[in-house]
Protein backbone atom coordinates (compact mmCIF):
# COMPACT_ATOMS: atom_id res chain seq x y z
CA MET A 1 7.27 -38.25 -14.57
CA ALA A 2 10.15 -36.72 -16.21
CA ASP A 3 8.61 -33.47 -16.82
CA ASN A 4 7.36 -33.50 -12.84
CA GLU A 5 10.88 -33.98 -11.63
CA LYS A 6 11.63 -30.78 -14.20
CA LYS A 7 8.75 -29.00 -12.95
CA LYS A 8 9.96 -29.74 -8.87
CA ARG A 9 13.49 -28.71 -9.96
CA THR A 10 12.83 -25.56 -11.87
CA LEU A 11 10.11 -24.58 -8.90
CA TRP A 12 12.83 -25.66 -6.13
CA GLU A 13 15.45 -22.91 -8.23
CA GLN A 14 13.62 -20.31 -8.32
CA ALA A 15 12.77 -20.45 -4.33
CA VAL A 16 16.63 -20.08 -3.72
CA GLU A 17 17.08 -17.63 -6.49
CA ASN A 18 13.98 -15.37 -4.89
CA ALA A 19 15.50 -16.39 -1.64
CA LEU A 20 18.86 -14.66 -2.30
CA ARG A 21 17.44 -11.93 -3.87
CA PHE A 22 15.31 -11.50 -0.82
CA ALA A 23 18.32 -12.07 1.47
CA PHE A 24 20.41 -9.51 -0.38
CA ASN A 25 17.40 -6.58 -0.08
CA LEU A 26 17.43 -7.43 3.48
CA ALA A 27 21.19 -7.25 3.90
CA PHE A 28 21.56 -4.51 2.23
CA VAL A 29 19.45 -2.11 3.62
CA PHE A 30 20.67 -3.52 7.28
CA ILE A 31 23.73 -2.90 6.65
CA PHE A 32 22.79 0.84 5.57
CA GLN A 33 20.65 1.09 8.51
CA SER A 34 23.49 0.26 10.77
CA ILE A 35 26.03 2.78 9.37
CA PHE A 36 23.62 5.93 8.60
CA GLY A 37 21.04 5.19 11.15
CA VAL A 38 17.42 4.32 11.71
CA HIS A 39 15.89 7.39 10.22
CA ASN A 40 17.72 6.80 7.18
CA VAL A 41 16.21 3.73 6.31
CA LEU A 42 13.27 4.32 4.10
CA PRO A 43 16.01 6.07 1.17
CA GLY A 44 18.43 2.98 1.87
CA VAL A 45 14.98 0.84 0.90
CA ALA A 46 15.10 2.90 -2.63
CA ILE A 47 18.29 2.74 -2.88
CA GLY A 48 18.36 -0.98 -2.16
CA VAL A 49 15.84 -0.77 -5.64
CA GLY A 50 18.34 0.75 -7.26
CA MET A 51 21.18 -2.03 -7.00
CA THR A 52 18.79 -5.04 -7.72
CA MET A 53 17.65 -2.84 -10.86
CA PHE A 54 20.07 -1.10 -12.67
CA PRO A 55 23.13 -3.30 -12.76
CA ASP A 56 21.10 -5.99 -14.61
CA GLY A 57 19.33 -3.87 -16.52
CA TYR A 58 20.97 -1.98 -18.99
CA ILE A 59 19.09 0.67 -20.59
CA GLY A 60 21.38 2.01 -23.14
CA VAL A 61 22.96 5.05 -21.74
CA ARG A 62 26.85 4.68 -21.61
CA PRO A 63 27.92 3.81 -18.07
CA MET A 64 29.77 6.32 -17.16
CA THR A 65 27.12 8.63 -18.01
CA MET A 66 24.65 6.27 -15.75
CA SER A 67 26.80 7.02 -13.01
CA GLY A 68 26.19 10.33 -13.34
CA ILE A 69 23.10 10.32 -12.86
CA ILE A 70 22.74 7.68 -10.33
CA ILE A 71 25.33 9.83 -8.07
CA GLY A 72 23.54 12.85 -8.31
CA LEU A 73 20.27 12.08 -8.31
CA TYR A 74 20.03 10.21 -5.11
CA CYS A 75 21.78 13.14 -3.94
CA GLY A 76 19.44 15.70 -4.75
CA CYS A 77 16.28 13.11 -3.51
CA VAL A 78 17.46 14.07 -0.46
CA ILE A 79 18.87 17.32 -0.49
CA ALA A 80 15.37 18.57 -2.53
CA GLY A 81 12.95 16.29 -0.01
CA GLN A 82 14.81 18.08 2.82
CA THR A 83 15.06 21.39 1.23
CA ALA A 84 11.02 21.51 0.56
CA LEU A 85 10.30 20.74 3.86
CA MET A 86 12.73 23.82 5.11
CA LEU A 87 10.77 26.28 2.73
CA PRO A 88 7.05 25.11 2.80
CA ALA A 89 6.36 27.94 0.67
CA ALA A 90 8.49 27.00 -2.35
CA ALA A 91 8.05 23.06 -1.78
CA LEU A 92 5.45 22.91 -4.79
CA VAL A 93 7.50 24.30 -6.98
CA ILE A 94 11.25 22.65 -5.57
CA ASN A 95 8.69 18.87 -5.75
CA PHE A 96 7.75 19.70 -9.14
CA LEU A 97 10.95 20.92 -10.30
CA PHE A 98 12.81 17.66 -8.81
CA VAL A 99 10.38 15.47 -10.32
CA LEU A 100 10.65 16.58 -13.48
CA LEU A 101 14.15 16.68 -13.51
CA ILE A 102 13.61 13.15 -12.54
CA MET A 103 11.59 12.25 -15.71
CA ALA A 104 13.68 14.46 -17.95
CA LEU A 105 16.67 12.12 -17.04
CA THR A 106 15.27 8.38 -16.40
CA CYS A 107 11.58 8.23 -17.62
CA GLU A 108 13.13 6.58 -20.69
CA PRO A 109 12.87 3.26 -21.83
CA THR A 110 9.63 2.75 -20.67
CA MET A 111 9.66 -0.83 -20.25
CA TYR A 112 12.78 -0.76 -17.68
CA LYS A 113 11.60 1.77 -15.96
CA PRO A 114 14.49 3.60 -14.97
CA ALA A 115 13.19 6.36 -12.55
CA ILE A 116 10.98 4.00 -10.34
CA SER A 117 14.10 3.93 -7.70
CA PHE A 118 14.61 7.65 -7.91
CA LEU A 119 10.97 8.55 -7.36
CA LEU A 120 10.76 6.12 -4.50
CA CYS A 121 14.23 7.68 -3.00
CA PHE A 122 12.34 11.27 -3.06
CA VAL A 123 9.49 10.35 -1.94
CA PHE A 124 10.54 8.87 0.83
CA ALA A 125 13.25 11.38 1.93
CA GLN A 126 10.51 14.21 2.01
CA SER A 127 8.25 11.80 3.87
CA ALA A 128 10.76 11.27 6.08
CA PRO A 129 12.51 13.78 6.67
CA VAL A 130 15.71 14.48 9.39
CA PRO A 131 16.28 17.30 11.74
CA PRO A 132 18.61 19.65 10.39
CA GLU A 133 21.40 18.57 12.50
CA ALA A 134 20.99 15.22 11.19
CA PHE A 135 20.94 16.10 7.54
CA PRO A 136 24.75 15.10 6.81
CA VAL A 137 24.39 11.69 7.64
CA ARG A 138 21.76 11.43 5.01
CA LEU A 139 22.78 13.16 2.56
CA ALA A 140 26.51 10.70 2.77
CA GLY A 141 24.33 7.98 2.72
CA ALA A 142 22.61 9.02 0.16
CA ALA A 143 26.15 9.36 -1.17
CA ALA A 144 27.68 6.26 -0.42
CA GLY A 145 24.82 4.65 -1.69
CA GLY A 146 24.57 6.20 -4.69
CA ALA A 147 27.64 5.63 -5.20
CA ALA A 148 27.75 1.96 -4.69
CA VAL A 149 25.06 0.85 -7.28
CA ALA A 150 26.63 3.59 -9.67
CA ALA A 151 30.36 1.41 -9.26
CA VAL A 152 28.26 -2.18 -9.60
CA THR A 153 26.19 -0.70 -12.31
CA VAL A 154 29.42 0.52 -14.12
CA ILE A 155 31.48 -2.63 -13.77
CA LYS A 156 28.29 -5.00 -14.74
CA TRP A 157 28.03 -2.92 -17.99
CA TYR A 158 31.11 -3.18 -19.00
CA TRP A 159 31.69 -6.88 -18.39
CA GLN A 160 28.80 -7.44 -20.39
CA GLY A 161 30.23 -4.98 -23.25
CA HIS A 162 28.46 -2.20 -23.03
CA GLY A 163 31.73 -0.12 -22.15
CA LYS A 164 31.39 1.93 -25.44
CA ASP A 165 27.85 2.15 -25.97
CA GLY A 166 24.73 4.16 -25.61
CA ARG A 167 23.46 7.41 -25.23
CA GLY A 168 24.90 10.30 -23.65
CA LEU A 169 23.46 13.04 -21.31
CA LYS A 170 21.86 15.27 -24.05
CA GLU A 171 20.76 12.14 -26.21
CA GLN A 172 19.19 10.98 -22.92
CA ILE A 173 17.15 13.94 -21.92
CA ARG A 174 16.12 14.05 -25.98
CA LEU A 175 15.00 10.84 -25.75
CA CYS A 176 12.68 11.06 -22.51
CA THR A 177 11.34 14.49 -23.07
CA VAL A 178 9.74 12.98 -26.18
CA ARG A 179 7.19 12.12 -23.21
CA LYS A 180 6.15 15.38 -22.47
CA GLY A 181 2.99 14.79 -21.22
CA TYR A 182 3.52 11.88 -19.17
CA ILE A 183 6.44 13.91 -17.31
CA LEU A 184 4.22 17.07 -16.81
CA ARG A 185 1.51 14.69 -15.21
CA MET A 186 3.88 12.40 -12.92
CA SER A 187 6.18 16.23 -11.56
CA MET A 188 2.77 17.86 -10.99
CA GLY A 189 0.33 14.61 -9.85
CA ILE A 190 3.61 13.97 -6.89
CA ALA A 191 4.18 17.90 -6.29
CA ALA A 192 0.84 18.15 -5.35
CA ALA A 193 0.03 14.99 -3.37
CA MET A 194 2.97 16.18 -1.36
CA PHE A 195 1.60 19.77 -1.02
CA ILE A 196 -1.39 18.40 -0.29
CA GLY A 197 0.40 15.59 2.86
CA MET A 198 2.25 19.13 4.44
CA VAL A 199 -1.25 20.98 3.93
CA LEU A 200 -3.18 18.56 5.76
CA HIS A 201 -0.67 17.55 7.84
CA LEU A 202 -1.00 13.46 7.46
CA ARG A 203 0.85 11.51 9.58
CA LYS A 204 1.56 8.83 6.16
CA PRO A 205 2.46 11.59 3.63
CA LEU A 206 3.92 8.83 1.89
CA TRP A 207 0.86 6.85 1.07
CA ILE A 208 -0.60 9.59 -1.07
CA SER A 209 2.33 10.81 -2.83
CA ILE A 210 3.44 7.11 -3.73
CA VAL A 211 0.56 6.28 -4.95
CA VAL A 212 0.13 9.05 -7.65
CA MET A 213 3.56 8.28 -7.83
CA SER A 214 2.75 4.38 -8.94
CA LEU A 215 -1.23 5.15 -10.66
CA THR A 216 0.85 7.55 -13.23
CA GLN A 217 1.40 5.61 -16.39
CA LEU A 218 2.25 6.79 -19.71
CA HIS A 219 -1.16 5.30 -21.53
CA TYR A 220 -5.18 6.13 -20.33
CA HIS A 221 -6.29 2.20 -20.05
CA GLU A 222 -2.29 1.84 -17.99
CA THR A 223 -4.03 3.86 -15.15
CA LEU A 224 -7.40 2.57 -14.87
CA GLU A 225 -6.09 -1.11 -14.74
CA ARG A 226 -3.71 -0.34 -12.47
CA ILE A 227 -6.49 1.77 -10.06
CA ARG A 228 -8.55 -1.87 -10.02
CA HIS A 229 -5.81 -3.43 -9.35
CA ARG A 230 -4.96 -1.36 -6.63
CA PHE A 231 -7.73 -1.28 -4.89
CA PHE A 232 -8.13 -4.88 -5.07
CA GLY A 233 -4.93 -5.53 -3.52
CA ASN A 234 -5.16 -2.99 -0.79
CA VAL A 235 -8.63 -4.15 -0.06
CA LEU A 236 -7.95 -7.74 0.40
CA GLY A 237 -5.04 -6.82 2.34
CA ILE A 238 -6.49 -5.05 4.44
CA LEU A 239 -8.63 -7.99 5.09
CA PHE A 240 -5.81 -10.08 5.48
CA PHE A 241 -4.26 -7.44 7.87
CA VAL A 242 -7.30 -7.90 10.22
CA VAL A 243 -8.03 -11.24 9.52
CA VAL A 244 -4.45 -12.51 10.30
CA PHE A 245 -3.05 -10.46 12.14
CA ARG A 246 -5.58 -9.29 14.18
CA MET A 247 -7.55 -12.48 15.20
CA LEU A 248 -5.09 -15.36 14.20
CA VAL A 249 -1.87 -14.24 14.82
CA PRO A 250 0.17 -13.19 18.06
CA GLU A 251 2.11 -10.20 18.29
CA SER A 252 5.24 -11.45 18.76
CA TRP A 253 5.12 -13.03 15.72
CA ALA A 254 3.73 -9.89 13.56
CA PHE A 255 7.38 -9.39 12.30
CA GLY A 256 8.39 -12.75 11.29
CA MET A 257 5.10 -12.93 9.36
CA VAL A 258 5.76 -9.78 7.21
CA LEU A 259 9.18 -11.29 6.73
CA PHE A 260 7.32 -14.16 5.10
CA LEU A 261 4.91 -12.26 3.15
CA GLY A 262 7.50 -9.98 1.58
CA TYR A 263 9.50 -13.60 0.38
CA ILE A 264 6.21 -14.49 -1.40
CA SER A 265 6.10 -11.90 -3.13
CA PHE A 266 9.30 -12.62 -5.06
CA PHE A 267 7.32 -15.22 -6.67
CA THR A 268 4.91 -13.15 -8.42
CA SER A 269 5.53 -9.79 -10.82
CA GLU A 270 1.68 -9.10 -10.72
CA TYR A 271 0.71 -6.00 -9.63
CA LYS A 272 -2.33 -6.50 -7.91
CA TYR A 273 -0.72 -9.20 -5.63
CA LYS A 274 2.71 -7.39 -4.49
CA GLN A 275 -0.52 -4.39 -3.38
CA ILE A 276 -1.65 -6.75 -1.40
CA VAL A 277 1.80 -7.76 0.07
CA ASN A 278 2.36 -3.90 -0.07
CA ALA A 279 -0.95 -2.72 1.99
CA VAL A 280 -0.22 -5.39 4.75
CA CYS A 281 3.12 -4.49 5.40
CA ALA A 282 2.45 -0.83 5.58
CA ILE A 283 -0.70 -0.89 7.94
CA ASN A 284 2.07 -3.18 10.29
CA ALA A 285 4.39 -0.81 10.00
CA SER A 286 2.21 2.37 10.94
CA LEU A 287 1.17 0.99 13.98
CA VAL A 288 3.57 2.84 15.41
CA LEU A 289 1.97 5.99 14.60
CA LEU A 290 -1.41 4.68 14.31
CA ASP A 291 -4.46 2.32 15.70
CA THR A 292 -5.64 0.03 13.41
CA SER A 293 -9.04 1.38 12.16
CA THR A 294 -7.09 4.86 11.79
CA ALA A 295 -4.12 3.38 10.24
CA ILE A 296 -7.02 1.41 7.20
CA GLU A 297 -8.95 4.65 7.07
CA ASN A 298 -5.88 6.64 5.76
CA ARG A 299 -4.64 3.82 3.68
CA LEU A 300 -8.44 3.80 2.13
CA LEU A 301 -8.67 7.65 2.03
CA CYS A 302 -4.96 8.33 0.78
CA LEU A 303 -5.48 5.62 -2.08
CA ALA A 304 -8.70 7.45 -3.37
CA GLY A 305 -7.39 10.87 -3.40
CA GLY A 306 -3.91 9.63 -4.79
CA ALA A 307 -6.65 8.05 -7.96
CA CYS A 308 -8.31 11.50 -8.42
CA ILE A 309 -5.61 13.14 -9.16
CA VAL A 310 -4.23 11.25 -11.07
CA LEU A 311 -7.49 10.84 -13.02
CA ILE A 312 -7.86 14.46 -12.99
CA LEU A 313 -4.29 15.14 -14.66
CA TYR A 314 -5.02 12.94 -16.63
CA LEU A 315 -8.69 14.23 -17.96
CA ALA A 316 -6.71 17.54 -17.54
CA GLN A 317 -4.23 16.93 -20.61
CA LYS A 318 -6.98 15.34 -22.70
CA LEU A 319 -8.61 18.86 -22.57
CA GLY A 320 -5.80 20.82 -23.00
CA ARG A 321 -4.82 18.57 -26.75
CA GLY A 322 -8.52 19.14 -27.51
CA ILE A 323 -8.34 22.50 -27.44
CA MET A 324 -4.90 23.04 -29.11
CA GLY A 325 -6.37 20.64 -31.55
CA HIS A 326 -9.80 23.34 -32.18
CA THR A 327 -7.33 25.86 -31.99
CA GLY A 328 -5.22 24.94 -34.92
CA ALA A 329 -7.99 23.32 -36.98
CA ALA A 330 -9.00 26.86 -36.45
CA ALA A 331 -5.82 28.74 -37.54
CA ALA A 332 -5.84 26.44 -40.55
CA CYS A 333 -8.77 27.20 -41.69
CA ARG A 334 -8.21 31.13 -41.70
CA THR A 335 -5.27 30.40 -43.69
CA LYS A 336 -6.85 29.33 -46.57
């Protein structure tokens, strides 16, 4: 009996905690959108991810160094994303170099995935450009949001006793650049996905670039597992959307259902289950531009295309290592 009461109390506490986290995320995005406009809501979502991630996850970097990285990269995300679209001929190079910068600064420690918020911000900014006259507001939003995240992070880390701890900028770069293969695969993959989205004039270019970002993992078995889970989640999410949103639930209830699913997703950290919710939310949001069948078709094609990019780059890395290994062995034999 006591165990049942304890489980009920634990479940209730988790429900309240998740409700507070969900409400905070919604409030942050709503305030950001109210100040900087609806066209900047996607970068605001990514910055909101950083607000929930960095203050509570000390990653071994000096607080003031981390604050500079946070503000610099969030501002850089919107600048690089806008510049690449204004200069299509240089887009591939710009996108590659900026993702390379993000990874060289924040790909470690991998267990905390500190690069995710910045990669999301860059992908979101690139997929939802604003007219040149509206760009100063977007940059101001990135700077203000980055400053808010940096301030809360520094205060929290100092409060936790990390004020004088951690790596400096050079040490952090040195630590990150050990992962050369991972950094190159992420940089080349996202740049290629963005380039394909631009060349093919995809209505939702975000869907292919975010797939590459999510599926590119440090190890091959992690990538394969994520591919399986992402296909599983998207197929189930699409089926759920068609049955529930198109057959059972009135259209006026769609927004409320999306909010409810978003809250439910806080109860699991399982990648495949989160993808179900992500697929439902993404397809529902895309109906502003696409009809249901076109949205589903685009979602699955972008998923397949992104997975192919990730696998091709991993196999190319493996082949390159094999060639270098054979070349090194042959050179060693000649010197004997």
